Amino acid sequence: MSYDISLHVEIDTGGPEPVDYCADDIGNYTSNVAGMWTEALGYRLADLKGKTAADCADDLKRAVADMEADPGKYELMEPANGWGDYEGALDYLRRLRNACLAHPKAQIRISH
């Protein structure tokens, strides 16, 4: 199982329906590191689903800073099966943070 995250906005182009636009595609990463994200955020990464990027940016900034400040803590949480690691989990969270800062009005979509 994995997380696939993207940020979307609806654009009124004057047509009968708004156009769904993917503002940023964070990509896919294994859910084997979900415990690291939960530790850093204080809640599950999946809980960001449906929220606006602006609503999540501060939590993501704090979570990234926490992971950067204490790599040893998070490296101990690396999955024994080798699917995912601290560096990959941190990179994924950084990309999500950066996308949220760049597109504050976008809605976070998560499939897993």
N, C-alpha and C. Protein backbone atom coordinates (compact mmCIF):
# COMPACT_ATOMS: atom_id res chain seq x y z
N MET A 1 0.84 -1.17 0.00
CA MET A 1 0.00 0.00 0.00
C MET A 1 0.90 1.25 0.00
N SER A 2 0.38 2.31 -0.56
CA SER A 2 1.16 3.54 -0.65
C SER A 2 0.24 4.75 -0.66
N TYR A 3 0.86 5.90 -0.55
CA TYR A 3 0.16 7.17 -0.63
C TYR A 3 0.44 7.79 -2.00
N ASP A 4 -0.58 8.31 -2.62
CA ASP A 4 -0.46 9.05 -3.86
C ASP A 4 -1.14 10.39 -3.62
N ILE A 5 -0.37 11.48 -3.59
CA ILE A 5 -0.89 12.79 -3.20
C ILE A 5 -0.74 13.79 -4.34
N SER A 6 -1.79 14.57 -4.54
CA SER A 6 -1.75 15.66 -5.51
C SER A 6 -2.58 16.83 -4.97
N LEU A 7 -2.31 18.01 -5.51
CA LEU A 7 -3.04 19.22 -5.13
C LEU A 7 -3.84 19.69 -6.34
N HIS A 8 -5.13 19.97 -6.10
CA HIS A 8 -6.03 20.33 -7.21
C HIS A 8 -6.78 21.62 -6.91
N VAL A 9 -7.08 22.33 -7.99
CA VAL A 9 -7.94 23.52 -7.92
C VAL A 9 -8.97 23.41 -9.03
N GLU A 10 -10.12 24.01 -8.79
CA GLU A 10 -11.14 24.11 -9.83
C GLU A 10 -11.05 25.50 -10.43
N ILE A 11 -11.06 25.55 -11.75
CA ILE A 11 -10.92 26.82 -12.46
C ILE A 11 -12.19 27.09 -13.26
N ASP A 12 -12.75 28.26 -13.07
CA ASP A 12 -13.92 28.68 -13.84
C ASP A 12 -13.43 29.23 -15.17
N THR A 13 -13.68 28.47 -16.23
CA THR A 13 -13.25 28.89 -17.57
C THR A 13 -14.40 29.50 -18.35
N GLY A 14 -15.55 29.66 -17.70
CA GLY A 14 -16.71 30.20 -18.38
C GLY A 14 -17.61 29.14 -18.97
N GLY A 15 -17.17 27.91 -18.95
CA GLY A 15 -17.98 26.79 -19.46
C GLY A 15 -19.03 26.37 -18.46
N PRO A 16 -19.77 25.33 -18.79
CA PRO A 16 -20.86 24.89 -17.91
C PRO A 16 -20.37 24.33 -16.56
N GLU A 17 -19.17 23.79 -16.54
CA GLU A 17 -18.60 23.22 -15.31
C GLU A 17 -17.18 23.75 -15.12
N PRO A 18 -16.76 23.91 -13.87
CA PRO A 18 -15.36 24.30 -13.65
C PRO A 18 -14.42 23.18 -14.12
N VAL A 19 -13.21 23.55 -14.45
CA VAL A 19 -12.21 22.59 -14.89
C VAL A 19 -11.36 22.20 -13.67
N ASP A 20 -11.15 20.90 -13.49
CA ASP A 20 -10.29 20.41 -12.43
C ASP A 20 -8.84 20.45 -12.93
N TYR A 21 -7.99 21.17 -12.21
CA TYR A 21 -6.60 21.34 -12.60
C TYR A 21 -5.69 20.79 -11.51
N CYS A 22 -4.77 19.93 -11.89
CA CYS A 22 -3.78 19.42 -10.94
C CYS A 22 -2.65 20.43 -10.84
N ALA A 23 -2.59 21.13 -9.73
CA ALA A 23 -1.57 22.16 -9.52
C ALA A 23 -0.21 21.56 -9.22
N ASP A 24 -0.19 20.40 -8.59
CA ASP A 24 1.07 19.74 -8.25
C ASP A 24 0.81 18.27 -7.95
N ASP A 25 1.66 17.42 -8.47
CA ASP A 25 1.56 15.99 -8.22
C ASP A 25 2.77 15.59 -7.38
N ILE A 26 2.53 15.28 -6.12
CA ILE A 26 3.61 14.94 -5.20
C ILE A 26 4.16 13.56 -5.54
N GLY A 27 3.31 12.72 -6.06
CA GLY A 27 3.72 11.39 -6.44
C GLY A 27 3.30 10.35 -5.42
N ASN A 28 4.00 9.25 -5.46
CA ASN A 28 3.64 8.07 -4.70
C ASN A 28 4.78 7.68 -3.77
N TYR A 29 4.43 7.27 -2.54
CA TYR A 29 5.44 6.76 -1.63
C TYR A 29 4.80 5.73 -0.71
N THR A 30 5.58 4.77 -0.30
CA THR A 30 5.09 3.66 0.49
C THR A 30 4.49 4.09 1.83
N SER A 31 3.43 3.41 2.21
CA SER A 31 2.80 3.68 3.51
C SER A 31 3.55 3.01 4.66
N ASN A 32 4.61 2.27 4.34
CA ASN A 32 5.41 1.64 5.40
C ASN A 32 6.07 2.65 6.32
N VAL A 33 6.16 3.90 5.89
CA VAL A 33 6.77 4.94 6.72
C VAL A 33 5.70 5.85 7.36
N ALA A 34 4.45 5.45 7.29
CA ALA A 34 3.36 6.27 7.82
C ALA A 34 3.57 6.61 9.29
N GLY A 35 4.19 5.72 10.04
CA GLY A 35 4.45 5.99 11.45
C GLY A 35 5.35 7.20 11.65
N MET A 36 6.32 7.39 10.77
CA MET A 36 7.19 8.56 10.84
C MET A 36 6.38 9.83 10.63
N TRP A 37 5.54 9.82 9.61
CA TRP A 37 4.73 11.01 9.33
C TRP A 37 3.76 11.30 10.47
N THR A 38 3.18 10.24 11.03
CA THR A 38 2.26 10.43 12.16
C THR A 38 3.00 11.03 13.36
N GLU A 39 4.18 10.54 13.62
CA GLU A 39 4.99 11.07 14.72
C GLU A 39 5.31 12.55 14.50
N ALA A 40 5.70 12.89 13.29
CA ALA A 40 6.10 14.27 12.98
C ALA A 40 4.91 15.22 12.95
N LEU A 41 3.81 14.79 12.37
CA LEU A 41 2.63 15.66 12.24
C LEU A 41 1.78 15.71 13.51
N GLY A 42 1.76 14.61 14.24
CA GLY A 42 0.87 14.51 15.40
C GLY A 42 -0.48 13.92 15.02
N TYR A 43 -0.64 13.55 13.77
CA TYR A 43 -1.85 12.90 13.26
C TYR A 43 -1.47 12.21 11.95
N ARG A 44 -2.38 11.41 11.42
CA ARG A 44 -2.09 10.65 10.20
C ARG A 44 -1.98 11.56 8.97
N LEU A 45 -1.07 11.25 8.09
CA LEU A 45 -0.93 11.99 6.84
C LEU A 45 -2.24 11.93 6.05
N ALA A 46 -2.93 10.81 6.12
CA ALA A 46 -4.21 10.65 5.42
C ALA A 46 -5.26 11.66 5.88
N ASP A 47 -5.10 12.21 7.08
CA ASP A 47 -6.05 13.20 7.60
C ASP A 47 -5.99 14.53 6.85
N LEU A 48 -4.98 14.73 6.00
CA LEU A 48 -4.88 15.95 5.21
C LEU A 48 -5.83 15.92 4.00
N LYS A 49 -6.35 14.75 3.69
CA LYS A 49 -7.22 14.58 2.52
C LYS A 49 -8.41 15.53 2.58
N GLY A 50 -8.59 16.28 1.50
CA GLY A 50 -9.73 17.19 1.38
C GLY A 50 -9.50 18.57 1.97
N LYS A 51 -8.41 18.77 2.66
CA LYS A 51 -8.11 20.08 3.25
C LYS A 51 -7.44 20.97 2.22
N THR A 52 -7.48 22.27 2.46
CA THR A 52 -6.75 23.17 1.58
C THR A 52 -5.27 23.16 1.99
N ALA A 53 -4.44 23.45 1.03
CA ALA A 53 -3.01 23.48 1.28
C ALA A 53 -2.66 24.50 2.36
N ALA A 54 -3.34 25.64 2.35
CA ALA A 54 -3.07 26.68 3.35
C ALA A 54 -3.36 26.18 4.75
N ASP A 55 -4.39 25.34 4.89
CA ASP A 55 -4.74 24.81 6.20
C ASP A 55 -3.69 23.85 6.74
N CYS A 56 -2.85 23.30 5.88
CA CYS A 56 -1.89 22.27 6.27
C CYS A 56 -0.44 22.75 6.29
N ALA A 57 -0.18 23.90 5.71
CA ALA A 57 1.20 24.35 5.51
C ALA A 57 1.98 24.47 6.83
N ASP A 58 1.39 25.06 7.84
CA ASP A 58 2.12 25.23 9.10
C ASP A 58 2.45 23.89 9.75
N ASP A 59 1.50 22.96 9.74
CA ASP A 59 1.77 21.64 10.30
C ASP A 59 2.87 20.93 9.52
N LEU A 60 2.84 21.07 8.21
CA LEU A 60 3.87 20.43 7.39
C LEU A 60 5.24 21.07 7.61
N LYS A 61 5.29 22.38 7.77
CA LYS A 61 6.57 23.04 8.07
C LYS A 61 7.13 22.52 9.39
N ARG A 62 6.26 22.42 10.39
CA ARG A 62 6.69 21.94 11.71
C ARG A 62 7.14 20.48 11.63
N ALA A 63 6.40 19.64 10.89
CA ALA A 63 6.73 18.23 10.78
C ALA A 63 8.08 18.02 10.08
N VAL A 64 8.31 18.75 9.01
CA VAL A 64 9.59 18.66 8.30
C VAL A 64 10.72 19.09 9.23
N ALA A 65 10.54 20.18 9.93
CA ALA A 65 11.57 20.66 10.86
C ALA A 65 11.86 19.62 11.93
N ASP A 66 10.83 18.96 12.45
CA ASP A 66 11.01 17.94 13.48
C ASP A 66 11.80 16.75 12.93
N MET A 67 11.46 16.33 11.72
CA MET A 67 12.19 15.20 11.13
C MET A 67 13.64 15.57 10.84
N GLU A 68 13.88 16.79 10.41
CA GLU A 68 15.25 17.23 10.14
C GLU A 68 16.06 17.37 11.41
N ALA A 69 15.42 17.77 12.50
CA ALA A 69 16.12 18.01 13.76
C ALA A 69 16.52 16.73 14.49
N ASP A 70 15.80 15.63 14.23
CA ASP A 70 16.06 14.40 14.98
C ASP A 70 16.05 13.18 14.06
N PRO A 71 16.99 13.12 13.11
CA PRO A 71 16.98 12.00 12.18
C PRO A 71 17.11 10.63 12.85
N GLY A 72 17.87 10.56 13.93
CA GLY A 72 18.06 9.29 14.63
C GLY A 72 16.75 8.69 15.11
N LYS A 73 15.87 9.53 15.62
CA LYS A 73 14.56 9.07 16.09
C LYS A 73 13.78 8.43 14.95
N TYR A 74 13.81 9.07 13.80
CA TYR A 74 13.03 8.59 12.67
C TYR A 74 13.70 7.41 11.96
N GLU A 75 15.02 7.37 11.96
CA GLU A 75 15.72 6.24 11.35
C GLU A 75 15.41 4.95 12.10
N LEU A 76 15.17 5.06 13.40
CA LEU A 76 14.79 3.87 14.19
C LEU A 76 13.42 3.34 13.78
N MET A 77 12.64 4.17 13.11
CA MET A 77 11.29 3.78 12.68
C MET A 77 11.26 3.22 11.26
N GLU A 78 12.42 3.11 10.62
CA GLU A 78 12.45 2.59 9.25
C GLU A 78 11.91 1.16 9.23
N PRO A 79 11.12 0.83 8.22
CA PRO A 79 10.53 -0.51 8.16
C PRO A 79 11.58 -1.60 7.96
N ALA A 80 11.42 -2.68 8.67
CA ALA A 80 12.37 -3.79 8.60
C ALA A 80 12.40 -4.44 7.22
N ASN A 81 11.30 -4.33 6.48
CA ASN A 81 11.26 -4.97 5.17
C ASN A 81 12.01 -4.17 4.09
N GLY A 82 12.52 -2.98 4.44
CA GLY A 82 13.31 -2.18 3.51
C GLY A 82 12.49 -1.35 2.54
N TRP A 83 11.19 -1.40 2.64
CA TRP A 83 10.32 -0.62 1.74
C TRP A 83 10.10 0.75 2.36
N GLY A 84 10.93 1.71 1.98
CA GLY A 84 10.86 3.05 2.53
C GLY A 84 11.92 3.27 3.57
N ASP A 85 12.31 4.54 3.73
CA ASP A 85 13.31 4.89 4.72
C ASP A 85 13.12 6.34 5.15
N TYR A 86 13.93 6.74 6.11
CA TYR A 86 13.85 8.10 6.65
C TYR A 86 14.02 9.15 5.56
N GLU A 87 15.07 9.01 4.75
CA GLU A 87 15.36 10.01 3.71
C GLU A 87 14.20 10.13 2.72
N GLY A 88 13.64 9.02 2.30
CA GLY A 88 12.52 9.04 1.37
C GLY A 88 11.26 9.65 1.98
N ALA A 89 11.00 9.31 3.24
CA ALA A 89 9.83 9.85 3.94
C ALA A 89 9.96 11.36 4.12
N LEU A 90 11.16 11.81 4.47
CA LEU A 90 11.40 13.24 4.65
C LEU A 90 11.30 13.98 3.32
N ASP A 91 11.85 13.42 2.27
CA ASP A 91 11.78 14.05 0.95
C ASP A 91 10.31 14.19 0.51
N TYR A 92 9.52 13.16 0.71
CA TYR A 92 8.11 13.20 0.31
C TYR A 92 7.37 14.29 1.09
N LEU A 93 7.63 14.38 2.39
CA LEU A 93 6.99 15.40 3.22
C LEU A 93 7.45 16.80 2.82
N ARG A 94 8.72 16.95 2.48
CA ARG A 94 9.23 18.25 2.00
C ARG A 94 8.53 18.67 0.71
N ARG A 95 8.38 17.71 -0.23
CA ARG A 95 7.72 18.03 -1.49
C ARG A 95 6.27 18.44 -1.26
N LEU A 96 5.59 17.77 -0.33
CA LEU A 96 4.22 18.14 -0.01
C LEU A 96 4.17 19.53 0.63
N ARG A 97 5.07 19.79 1.56
CA ARG A 97 5.14 21.12 2.19
C ARG A 97 5.37 22.21 1.14
N ASN A 98 6.32 22.00 0.27
CA ASN A 98 6.64 22.99 -0.75
C ASN A 98 5.46 23.23 -1.69
N ALA A 99 4.77 22.18 -2.05
CA ALA A 99 3.60 22.32 -2.92
C ALA A 99 2.49 23.09 -2.22
N CYS A 100 2.30 22.83 -0.94
CA CYS A 100 1.26 23.54 -0.18
C CYS A 100 1.60 25.03 -0.05
N LEU A 101 2.87 25.33 0.12
CA LEU A 101 3.28 26.74 0.20
C LEU A 101 3.11 27.43 -1.15
N ALA A 102 3.35 26.71 -2.22
CA ALA A 102 3.25 27.29 -3.57
C ALA A 102 1.81 27.42 -4.05
N HIS A 103 0.91 26.58 -3.54
CA HIS A 103 -0.48 26.55 -4.02
C HIS A 103 -1.46 26.53 -2.84
N PRO A 104 -1.51 27.60 -2.07
CA PRO A 104 -2.29 27.59 -0.82
C PRO A 104 -3.80 27.37 -1.01
N LYS A 105 -4.34 27.69 -2.16
CA LYS A 105 -5.78 27.51 -2.38
C LYS A 105 -6.15 26.13 -2.90
N ALA A 106 -5.16 25.32 -3.20
CA ALA A 106 -5.41 23.99 -3.74
C ALA A 106 -5.93 23.05 -2.65
N GLN A 107 -6.65 22.06 -3.11
CA GLN A 107 -7.18 21.01 -2.21
C GLN A 107 -6.26 19.79 -2.31
N ILE A 108 -5.98 19.20 -1.16
CA ILE A 108 -5.13 18.02 -1.12
C ILE A 108 -5.97 16.79 -1.40
N ARG A 109 -5.50 15.98 -2.35
CA ARG A 109 -6.15 14.72 -2.67
C ARG A 109 -5.17 13.59 -2.37
N ILE A 110 -5.68 12.60 -1.67
CA ILE A 110 -4.84 11.46 -1.29
C ILE A 110 -5.58 10.18 -1.65
N SER A 111 -4.88 9.31 -2.33
CA SER A 111 -5.41 7.96 -2.52
C SER A 111 -4.36 7.00 -1.97
N HIS A 112 -4.87 5.95 -1.35
CA HIS A 112 -3.95 4.92 -0.83
C HIS A 112 -4.69 3.63 -0.72
